[in-house]
Amino acid sequence: MLNSSVVVLLGALAIGWFTGSEGLADIKPFVVDPFKGVLCLFLLDMGAVAGRGLLQNRSAIDRGTVLFGLYMPLVGAALMAAAVWPLELSPAGKALMMVLAASASYIAVPAAMRLALPEAKPVIYTTLSLGITFPFNVVIGIPVYIAAAFALFTP
């Protein structure tokens, strides 16, 4: 909880809550307006890190690692389906919760991992999240989670 990225995130949330819409209006040109451009640059950097890492460390991504990137989203979605079962959400709302639980953190976690665990291999976590789990979820996972939510939760 005292990791610098967690402290900054929690501090930003607290400041936003205290200052509200008026506070956001004051910093909008600095924070909100450049967000999409900075996000694009960040994602390009993450892709470059994954690509460089794969070229230099192909053996780091073995069959077990790839399988983890494929089955863990299904496990996350199934656990969330059980968690949202008693909640009064629409089937679409429950499907969205399942999609979120099945997703890797494509933006926040790679940056946090660099700070929190500098000895971790970026090739593994960036390749899993951006190269395996993301395409799996877009092509297969999201349609499966939506179908499952409507099959399970439609009265």
N, C-alpha and C. Protein backbone atom coordinates (compact mmCIF):
# COMPACT_ATOMS: atom_id res chain seq x y z
N MET A 1 0.82 -1.21 0.00
CA MET A 1 0.00 0.00 0.00
C MET A 1 0.85 1.27 0.00
N LEU A 2 2.12 1.16 0.37
CA LEU A 2 2.97 2.35 0.41
C LEU A 2 3.88 2.45 -0.81
N ASN A 3 3.66 1.60 -1.81
CA ASN A 3 4.38 1.71 -3.06
C ASN A 3 4.06 3.07 -3.67
N SER A 4 5.04 3.71 -4.26
CA SER A 4 4.85 5.09 -4.76
C SER A 4 3.70 5.20 -5.75
N SER A 5 3.54 4.20 -6.64
CA SER A 5 2.45 4.30 -7.62
C SER A 5 1.09 4.18 -6.95
N VAL A 6 0.98 3.37 -5.91
CA VAL A 6 -0.29 3.23 -5.18
C VAL A 6 -0.60 4.51 -4.41
N VAL A 7 0.41 5.09 -3.78
CA VAL A 7 0.20 6.33 -3.04
C VAL A 7 -0.24 7.46 -3.97
N VAL A 8 0.40 7.56 -5.13
CA VAL A 8 0.02 8.59 -6.10
C VAL A 8 -1.42 8.37 -6.58
N LEU A 9 -1.77 7.12 -6.89
CA LEU A 9 -3.12 6.81 -7.36
C LEU A 9 -4.16 7.14 -6.30
N LEU A 10 -3.93 6.69 -5.08
CA LEU A 10 -4.90 6.97 -4.01
C LEU A 10 -4.96 8.46 -3.69
N GLY A 11 -3.81 9.12 -3.72
CA GLY A 11 -3.79 10.56 -3.48
C GLY A 11 -4.55 11.32 -4.55
N ALA A 12 -4.38 10.92 -5.81
CA ALA A 12 -5.11 11.57 -6.90
C ALA A 12 -6.61 11.36 -6.77
N LEU A 13 -7.01 10.15 -6.37
CA LEU A 13 -8.44 9.89 -6.16
C LEU A 13 -9.00 10.75 -5.03
N ALA A 14 -8.24 10.87 -3.95
CA ALA A 14 -8.70 11.69 -2.82
C ALA A 14 -8.80 13.16 -3.20
N ILE A 15 -7.80 13.66 -3.90
CA ILE A 15 -7.83 15.06 -4.34
C ILE A 15 -9.00 15.30 -5.27
N GLY A 16 -9.24 14.39 -6.20
CA GLY A 16 -10.37 14.53 -7.12
C GLY A 16 -11.69 14.52 -6.39
N TRP A 17 -11.81 13.68 -5.38
CA TRP A 17 -13.05 13.61 -4.60
C TRP A 17 -13.27 14.90 -3.83
N PHE A 18 -12.21 15.43 -3.23
CA PHE A 18 -12.35 16.67 -2.45
C PHE A 18 -12.61 17.89 -3.33
N THR A 19 -11.94 17.98 -4.47
CA THR A 19 -12.06 19.19 -5.29
C THR A 19 -13.24 19.15 -6.25
N GLY A 20 -13.71 17.95 -6.64
CA GLY A 20 -14.89 17.82 -7.49
C GLY A 20 -14.71 18.39 -8.88
N SER A 21 -15.82 18.77 -9.49
CA SER A 21 -15.82 19.26 -10.88
C SER A 21 -15.05 20.56 -11.03
N GLU A 22 -15.10 21.42 -10.03
CA GLU A 22 -14.38 22.68 -10.11
C GLU A 22 -12.88 22.45 -10.15
N GLY A 23 -12.40 21.53 -9.35
CA GLY A 23 -10.97 21.21 -9.36
C GLY A 23 -10.54 20.62 -10.69
N LEU A 24 -11.38 19.76 -11.26
CA LEU A 24 -11.07 19.17 -12.56
C LEU A 24 -10.99 20.23 -13.64
N ALA A 25 -11.89 21.19 -13.61
CA ALA A 25 -11.89 22.26 -14.62
C ALA A 25 -10.56 23.02 -14.60
N ASP A 26 -9.98 23.20 -13.42
CA ASP A 26 -8.72 23.93 -13.32
C ASP A 26 -7.55 23.17 -13.94
N ILE A 27 -7.54 21.85 -13.83
CA ILE A 27 -6.40 21.08 -14.34
C ILE A 27 -6.68 20.34 -15.64
N LYS A 28 -7.87 20.52 -16.20
CA LYS A 28 -8.25 19.81 -17.43
C LYS A 28 -7.23 19.97 -18.56
N PRO A 29 -6.74 21.18 -18.85
CA PRO A 29 -5.78 21.29 -19.95
C PRO A 29 -4.47 20.52 -19.70
N PHE A 30 -4.14 20.31 -18.44
CA PHE A 30 -2.91 19.62 -18.10
C PHE A 30 -3.08 18.11 -18.03
N VAL A 31 -4.24 17.64 -17.56
CA VAL A 31 -4.45 16.22 -17.30
C VAL A 31 -5.35 15.56 -18.35
N VAL A 32 -6.50 16.12 -18.61
CA VAL A 32 -7.51 15.46 -19.45
C VAL A 32 -7.18 15.59 -20.93
N ASP A 33 -6.89 16.79 -21.39
CA ASP A 33 -6.70 17.03 -22.82
C ASP A 33 -5.56 16.21 -23.44
N PRO A 34 -4.40 16.11 -22.80
CA PRO A 34 -3.31 15.34 -23.43
C PRO A 34 -3.39 13.82 -23.19
N PHE A 35 -4.41 13.34 -22.48
CA PHE A 35 -4.45 11.94 -22.07
C PHE A 35 -4.33 10.97 -23.25
N LYS A 36 -5.13 11.16 -24.29
CA LYS A 36 -5.13 10.20 -25.39
C LYS A 36 -3.78 10.14 -26.10
N GLY A 37 -3.16 11.27 -26.30
CA GLY A 37 -1.84 11.28 -26.94
C GLY A 37 -0.78 10.60 -26.10
N VAL A 38 -0.77 10.89 -24.81
CA VAL A 38 0.19 10.26 -23.90
C VAL A 38 -0.08 8.76 -23.82
N LEU A 39 -1.35 8.37 -23.80
CA LEU A 39 -1.70 6.96 -23.77
C LEU A 39 -1.18 6.24 -25.01
N CYS A 40 -1.31 6.84 -26.17
CA CYS A 40 -0.80 6.24 -27.41
C CYS A 40 0.71 6.04 -27.32
N LEU A 41 1.43 7.06 -26.85
CA LEU A 41 2.88 6.93 -26.71
C LEU A 41 3.24 5.83 -25.71
N PHE A 42 2.51 5.78 -24.61
CA PHE A 42 2.78 4.75 -23.59
C PHE A 42 2.56 3.35 -24.16
N LEU A 43 1.45 3.16 -24.89
CA LEU A 43 1.18 1.84 -25.46
C LEU A 43 2.20 1.46 -26.52
N LEU A 44 2.66 2.43 -27.30
CA LEU A 44 3.73 2.16 -28.26
C LEU A 44 4.99 1.71 -27.54
N ASP A 45 5.31 2.37 -26.43
CA ASP A 45 6.48 1.98 -25.65
C ASP A 45 6.32 0.57 -25.09
N MET A 46 5.13 0.25 -24.58
CA MET A 46 4.89 -1.09 -24.04
C MET A 46 5.04 -2.14 -25.14
N GLY A 47 4.54 -1.86 -26.33
CA GLY A 47 4.70 -2.78 -27.45
C GLY A 47 6.16 -2.95 -27.83
N ALA A 48 6.93 -1.84 -27.80
CA ALA A 48 8.36 -1.93 -28.10
C ALA A 48 9.09 -2.75 -27.04
N VAL A 49 8.73 -2.57 -25.77
CA VAL A 49 9.33 -3.37 -24.70
C VAL A 49 9.04 -4.85 -24.91
N ALA A 50 7.80 -5.17 -25.23
CA ALA A 50 7.43 -6.58 -25.46
C ALA A 50 8.17 -7.13 -26.67
N GLY A 51 8.23 -6.36 -27.75
CA GLY A 51 8.91 -6.82 -28.96
C GLY A 51 10.39 -7.03 -28.75
N ARG A 52 11.07 -6.07 -28.12
CA ARG A 52 12.50 -6.21 -27.82
C ARG A 52 12.74 -7.41 -26.91
N GLY A 53 11.90 -7.55 -25.92
CA GLY A 53 12.06 -8.66 -24.99
C GLY A 53 11.90 -10.00 -25.66
N LEU A 54 10.93 -10.09 -26.57
CA LEU A 54 10.73 -11.37 -27.27
C LEU A 54 11.93 -11.71 -28.14
N LEU A 55 12.50 -10.71 -28.79
CA LEU A 55 13.67 -10.97 -29.63
C LEU A 55 14.84 -11.45 -28.78
N GLN A 56 14.99 -10.89 -27.60
CA GLN A 56 16.15 -11.21 -26.76
C GLN A 56 15.91 -12.40 -25.85
N ASN A 57 14.67 -12.71 -25.51
CA ASN A 57 14.35 -13.74 -24.52
C ASN A 57 13.23 -14.66 -24.99
N ARG A 58 13.35 -15.23 -26.14
CA ARG A 58 12.26 -16.08 -26.64
C ARG A 58 11.95 -17.24 -25.70
N SER A 59 12.94 -17.72 -25.00
CA SER A 59 12.72 -18.86 -24.11
C SER A 59 11.90 -18.48 -22.88
N ALA A 60 11.75 -17.18 -22.58
CA ALA A 60 10.98 -16.76 -21.41
C ALA A 60 9.49 -17.03 -21.58
N ILE A 61 9.01 -17.08 -22.82
CA ILE A 61 7.60 -17.35 -23.08
C ILE A 61 7.48 -18.80 -23.54
N ASP A 62 7.19 -19.68 -22.59
CA ASP A 62 7.04 -21.09 -22.92
C ASP A 62 5.57 -21.46 -23.03
N ARG A 63 5.29 -22.72 -23.29
CA ARG A 63 3.92 -23.18 -23.47
C ARG A 63 3.05 -22.92 -22.24
N GLY A 64 3.60 -23.16 -21.06
CA GLY A 64 2.84 -22.93 -19.84
C GLY A 64 2.46 -21.48 -19.65
N THR A 65 3.36 -20.58 -20.02
CA THR A 65 3.08 -19.15 -19.91
C THR A 65 1.97 -18.75 -20.87
N VAL A 66 2.03 -19.25 -22.08
CA VAL A 66 0.99 -18.95 -23.07
C VAL A 66 -0.35 -19.51 -22.61
N LEU A 67 -0.35 -20.73 -22.10
CA LEU A 67 -1.60 -21.32 -21.62
C LEU A 67 -2.18 -20.52 -20.46
N PHE A 68 -1.32 -20.03 -19.58
CA PHE A 68 -1.79 -19.18 -18.48
C PHE A 68 -2.49 -17.94 -19.03
N GLY A 69 -1.90 -17.31 -20.05
CA GLY A 69 -2.50 -16.12 -20.66
C GLY A 69 -3.83 -16.41 -21.32
N LEU A 70 -4.09 -17.67 -21.65
CA LEU A 70 -5.35 -18.05 -22.28
C LEU A 70 -6.40 -18.54 -21.28
N TYR A 71 -5.99 -19.30 -20.26
CA TYR A 71 -7.01 -19.83 -19.34
C TYR A 71 -7.32 -18.89 -18.19
N MET A 72 -6.40 -18.02 -17.81
CA MET A 72 -6.67 -17.14 -16.67
C MET A 72 -7.84 -16.19 -16.93
N PRO A 73 -8.01 -15.64 -18.13
CA PRO A 73 -9.20 -14.82 -18.37
C PRO A 73 -10.50 -15.60 -18.16
N LEU A 74 -10.51 -16.85 -18.54
CA LEU A 74 -11.71 -17.67 -18.35
C LEU A 74 -11.98 -17.90 -16.87
N VAL A 75 -10.91 -18.12 -16.10
CA VAL A 75 -11.06 -18.29 -14.65
C VAL A 75 -11.60 -17.01 -14.02
N GLY A 76 -11.02 -15.86 -14.41
CA GLY A 76 -11.48 -14.58 -13.87
C GLY A 76 -12.95 -14.32 -14.19
N ALA A 77 -13.35 -14.61 -15.42
CA ALA A 77 -14.75 -14.41 -15.81
C ALA A 77 -15.68 -15.34 -15.04
N ALA A 78 -15.26 -16.58 -14.84
CA ALA A 78 -16.09 -17.54 -14.10
C ALA A 78 -16.24 -17.13 -12.64
N LEU A 79 -15.15 -16.69 -12.03
CA LEU A 79 -15.22 -16.23 -10.64
C LEU A 79 -16.13 -15.01 -10.51
N MET A 80 -16.06 -14.11 -11.48
CA MET A 80 -16.91 -12.92 -11.43
C MET A 80 -18.37 -13.30 -11.66
N ALA A 81 -18.62 -14.28 -12.52
CA ALA A 81 -20.01 -14.73 -12.73
C ALA A 81 -20.60 -15.21 -11.40
N ALA A 82 -19.80 -15.93 -10.63
CA ALA A 82 -20.28 -16.39 -9.32
C ALA A 82 -20.47 -15.21 -8.37
N ALA A 83 -19.58 -14.23 -8.44
CA ALA A 83 -19.66 -13.08 -7.53
C ALA A 83 -20.86 -12.18 -7.84
N VAL A 84 -21.21 -12.03 -9.12
CA VAL A 84 -22.32 -11.12 -9.47
C VAL A 84 -23.67 -11.83 -9.47
N TRP A 85 -23.69 -13.14 -9.32
CA TRP A 85 -24.93 -13.90 -9.35
C TRP A 85 -26.01 -13.28 -8.46
N PRO A 86 -25.70 -12.96 -7.19
CA PRO A 86 -26.77 -12.43 -6.32
C PRO A 86 -27.05 -10.94 -6.51
N LEU A 87 -26.25 -10.24 -7.27
CA LEU A 87 -26.43 -8.79 -7.42
C LEU A 87 -27.57 -8.47 -8.37
N GLU A 88 -28.18 -7.35 -8.13
CA GLU A 88 -29.29 -6.93 -8.99
C GLU A 88 -28.76 -6.05 -10.11
N LEU A 89 -28.07 -6.69 -11.03
CA LEU A 89 -27.57 -6.03 -12.23
C LEU A 89 -28.26 -6.67 -13.43
N SER A 90 -28.33 -5.94 -14.52
CA SER A 90 -28.86 -6.52 -15.75
C SER A 90 -27.88 -7.57 -16.26
N PRO A 91 -28.33 -8.46 -17.16
CA PRO A 91 -27.38 -9.41 -17.76
C PRO A 91 -26.21 -8.69 -18.45
N ALA A 92 -26.49 -7.55 -19.07
CA ALA A 92 -25.40 -6.79 -19.71
C ALA A 92 -24.43 -6.25 -18.67
N GLY A 93 -24.94 -5.79 -17.54
CA GLY A 93 -24.07 -5.31 -16.47
C GLY A 93 -23.20 -6.42 -15.91
N LYS A 94 -23.79 -7.60 -15.76
CA LYS A 94 -23.03 -8.75 -15.28
C LYS A 94 -22.00 -9.18 -16.32
N ALA A 95 -22.34 -9.10 -17.60
CA ALA A 95 -21.38 -9.43 -18.66
C ALA A 95 -20.20 -8.46 -18.62
N LEU A 96 -20.48 -7.18 -18.41
CA LEU A 96 -19.40 -6.21 -18.33
C LEU A 96 -18.47 -6.52 -17.16
N MET A 97 -19.03 -6.88 -16.02
CA MET A 97 -18.21 -7.24 -14.87
C MET A 97 -17.34 -8.46 -15.18
N MET A 98 -17.89 -9.42 -15.92
CA MET A 98 -17.12 -10.60 -16.31
C MET A 98 -15.99 -10.23 -17.25
N VAL A 99 -16.26 -9.33 -18.20
CA VAL A 99 -15.21 -8.88 -19.13
C VAL A 99 -14.09 -8.20 -18.35
N LEU A 100 -14.45 -7.35 -17.41
CA LEU A 100 -13.43 -6.65 -16.63
C LEU A 100 -12.60 -7.62 -15.81
N ALA A 101 -13.23 -8.62 -15.23
CA ALA A 101 -12.49 -9.60 -14.42
C ALA A 101 -11.60 -10.49 -15.29
N ALA A 102 -11.96 -10.67 -16.55
CA ALA A 102 -11.19 -11.51 -17.45
C ALA A 102 -10.03 -10.77 -18.09
N SER A 103 -10.03 -9.47 -17.98
CA SER A 103 -9.04 -8.66 -18.68
C SER A 103 -7.76 -8.53 -17.88
N ALA A 104 -6.67 -8.48 -18.59
CA ALA A 104 -5.40 -8.10 -17.97
C ALA A 104 -5.42 -6.58 -17.88
N SER A 105 -4.63 -6.03 -17.02
CA SER A 105 -4.53 -4.58 -16.97
C SER A 105 -3.51 -4.17 -18.01
N TYR A 106 -3.99 -3.71 -19.14
CA TYR A 106 -3.11 -3.43 -20.27
C TYR A 106 -2.35 -2.13 -20.10
N ILE A 107 -2.77 -1.29 -19.18
CA ILE A 107 -2.14 0.02 -19.02
C ILE A 107 -1.49 0.16 -17.65
N ALA A 108 -2.25 -0.04 -16.60
CA ALA A 108 -1.76 0.28 -15.26
C ALA A 108 -0.73 -0.72 -14.74
N VAL A 109 -0.99 -2.00 -14.89
CA VAL A 109 -0.10 -2.98 -14.27
C VAL A 109 1.30 -2.99 -14.87
N PRO A 110 1.48 -2.93 -16.20
CA PRO A 110 2.86 -2.91 -16.69
C PRO A 110 3.68 -1.75 -16.11
N ALA A 111 3.08 -0.59 -15.99
CA ALA A 111 3.80 0.54 -15.41
C ALA A 111 4.07 0.31 -13.93
N ALA A 112 3.08 -0.21 -13.21
CA ALA A 112 3.26 -0.48 -11.78
C ALA A 112 4.29 -1.58 -11.57
N MET A 113 4.30 -2.58 -12.44
CA MET A 113 5.28 -3.67 -12.31
C MET A 113 6.70 -3.15 -12.46
N ARG A 114 6.90 -2.22 -13.36
CA ARG A 114 8.24 -1.65 -13.53
C ARG A 114 8.75 -1.03 -12.24
N LEU A 115 7.84 -0.37 -11.51
CA LEU A 115 8.23 0.28 -10.26
C LEU A 115 8.27 -0.69 -9.09
N ALA A 116 7.25 -1.51 -8.95
CA ALA A 116 7.13 -2.37 -7.77
C ALA A 116 8.07 -3.57 -7.80
N LEU A 117 8.24 -4.16 -8.97
CA LEU A 117 9.08 -5.35 -9.10
C LEU A 117 10.07 -5.16 -10.25
N PRO A 118 11.09 -4.35 -10.05
CA PRO A 118 12.02 -4.08 -11.15
C PRO A 118 12.76 -5.32 -11.65
N GLU A 119 12.83 -6.37 -10.81
CA GLU A 119 13.51 -7.60 -11.24
C GLU A 119 12.62 -8.49 -12.11
N ALA A 120 11.32 -8.20 -12.18
CA ALA A 120 10.41 -8.97 -13.03
C ALA A 120 10.76 -8.73 -14.50
N LYS A 121 10.54 -9.73 -15.32
CA LYS A 121 10.87 -9.64 -16.74
C LYS A 121 9.72 -9.00 -17.51
N PRO A 122 9.93 -7.79 -18.03
CA PRO A 122 8.86 -7.14 -18.80
C PRO A 122 8.39 -7.97 -19.99
N VAL A 123 9.27 -8.79 -20.55
CA VAL A 123 8.87 -9.59 -21.69
C VAL A 123 7.71 -10.51 -21.34
N ILE A 124 7.68 -10.98 -20.10
CA ILE A 124 6.62 -11.91 -19.72
C ILE A 124 5.30 -11.18 -19.50
N TYR A 125 5.30 -10.16 -18.64
CA TYR A 125 4.01 -9.53 -18.34
C TYR A 125 3.47 -8.67 -19.47
N THR A 126 4.33 -8.06 -20.28
CA THR A 126 3.80 -7.28 -21.40
C THR A 126 3.32 -8.19 -22.52
N THR A 127 4.07 -9.27 -22.77
CA THR A 127 3.65 -10.19 -23.83
C THR A 127 2.36 -10.90 -23.46
N LEU A 128 2.23 -11.31 -22.20
CA LEU A 128 1.00 -11.97 -21.78
C LEU A 128 -0.20 -11.04 -21.89
N SER A 129 -0.06 -9.83 -21.35
CA SER A 129 -1.23 -8.94 -21.35
C SER A 129 -1.54 -8.39 -22.73
N LEU A 130 -0.54 -7.92 -23.46
CA LEU A 130 -0.79 -7.26 -24.75
C LEU A 130 -0.81 -8.23 -25.93
N GLY A 131 -0.04 -9.31 -25.85
CA GLY A 131 0.10 -10.19 -27.00
C GLY A 131 -0.73 -11.45 -26.94
N ILE A 132 -1.20 -11.84 -25.75
CA ILE A 132 -1.95 -13.08 -25.64
C ILE A 132 -3.36 -12.83 -25.09
N THR A 133 -3.45 -12.29 -23.87
CA THR A 133 -4.75 -12.12 -23.24
C THR A 133 -5.64 -11.12 -23.98
N PHE A 134 -5.08 -9.98 -24.39
CA PHE A 134 -5.90 -8.98 -25.09
C PHE A 134 -6.49 -9.52 -26.38
N PRO A 135 -5.68 -10.09 -27.30
CA PRO A 135 -6.30 -10.62 -28.52
C PRO A 135 -7.28 -11.76 -28.24
N PHE A 136 -6.95 -12.62 -27.28
CA PHE A 136 -7.88 -13.71 -26.93
C PHE A 136 -9.22 -13.15 -26.48
N ASN A 137 -9.18 -12.15 -25.59
CA ASN A 137 -10.43 -11.58 -25.10
C ASN A 137 -11.22 -10.89 -26.21
N VAL A 138 -10.55 -10.18 -27.09
CA VAL A 138 -11.25 -9.46 -28.15
C VAL A 138 -11.91 -10.44 -29.13
N VAL A 139 -11.19 -11.48 -29.51
CA VAL A 139 -11.69 -12.39 -30.54
C VAL A 139 -12.63 -13.46 -29.97
N ILE A 140 -12.26 -14.04 -28.84
CA ILE A 140 -13.01 -15.18 -28.30
C ILE A 140 -13.69 -14.85 -26.98
N GLY A 141 -12.94 -14.29 -26.05
CA GLY A 141 -13.42 -14.12 -24.69
C GLY A 141 -14.66 -13.27 -24.55
N ILE A 142 -14.65 -12.06 -25.06
CA ILE A 142 -15.78 -11.16 -24.86
C ILE A 142 -17.08 -11.75 -25.42
N PRO A 143 -17.09 -12.31 -26.63
CA PRO A 143 -18.33 -12.95 -27.08
C PRO A 143 -18.78 -14.11 -26.17
N VAL A 144 -17.82 -14.87 -25.65
CA VAL A 144 -18.16 -15.98 -24.75
C VAL A 144 -18.72 -15.44 -23.44
N TYR A 145 -18.12 -14.40 -22.87
CA TYR A 145 -18.59 -13.85 -21.60
C TYR A 145 -19.99 -13.26 -21.74
N ILE A 146 -20.23 -12.58 -22.85
CA ILE A 146 -21.56 -11.99 -23.08
C ILE A 146 -22.61 -13.10 -23.23
N ALA A 147 -22.28 -14.11 -24.04
CA ALA A 147 -23.22 -15.22 -24.23
C ALA A 147 -23.49 -15.95 -22.91
N ALA A 148 -22.44 -16.15 -22.14
CA ALA A 148 -22.60 -16.84 -20.85
C ALA A 148 -23.46 -16.00 -19.89
N ALA A 149 -23.21 -14.71 -19.85
CA ALA A 149 -23.99 -13.84 -18.96
C ALA A 149 -25.47 -13.86 -19.33
N PHE A 150 -25.77 -13.77 -20.60
CA PHE A 150 -27.18 -13.76 -21.01
C PHE A 150 -27.81 -15.14 -20.80
N ALA A 151 -27.04 -16.22 -20.97
CA ALA A 151 -27.58 -17.56 -20.73
C ALA A 151 -27.83 -17.79 -19.24
N LEU A 152 -26.91 -17.31 -18.42
CA LEU A 152 -27.03 -17.53 -16.97
C LEU A 152 -28.00 -16.60 -16.28
N PHE A 153 -28.04 -15.34 -16.73
CA PHE A 153 -28.72 -14.32 -15.95
C PHE A 153 -30.00 -13.76 -16.57
N THR A 154 -30.40 -14.26 -17.73
CA THR A 154 -31.66 -13.80 -18.31
C THR A 154 -32.80 -14.62 -17.69
N PRO A 155 -33.79 -13.93 -17.14
CA PRO A 155 -34.89 -14.65 -16.46
C PRO A 155 -35.70 -15.48 -17.43
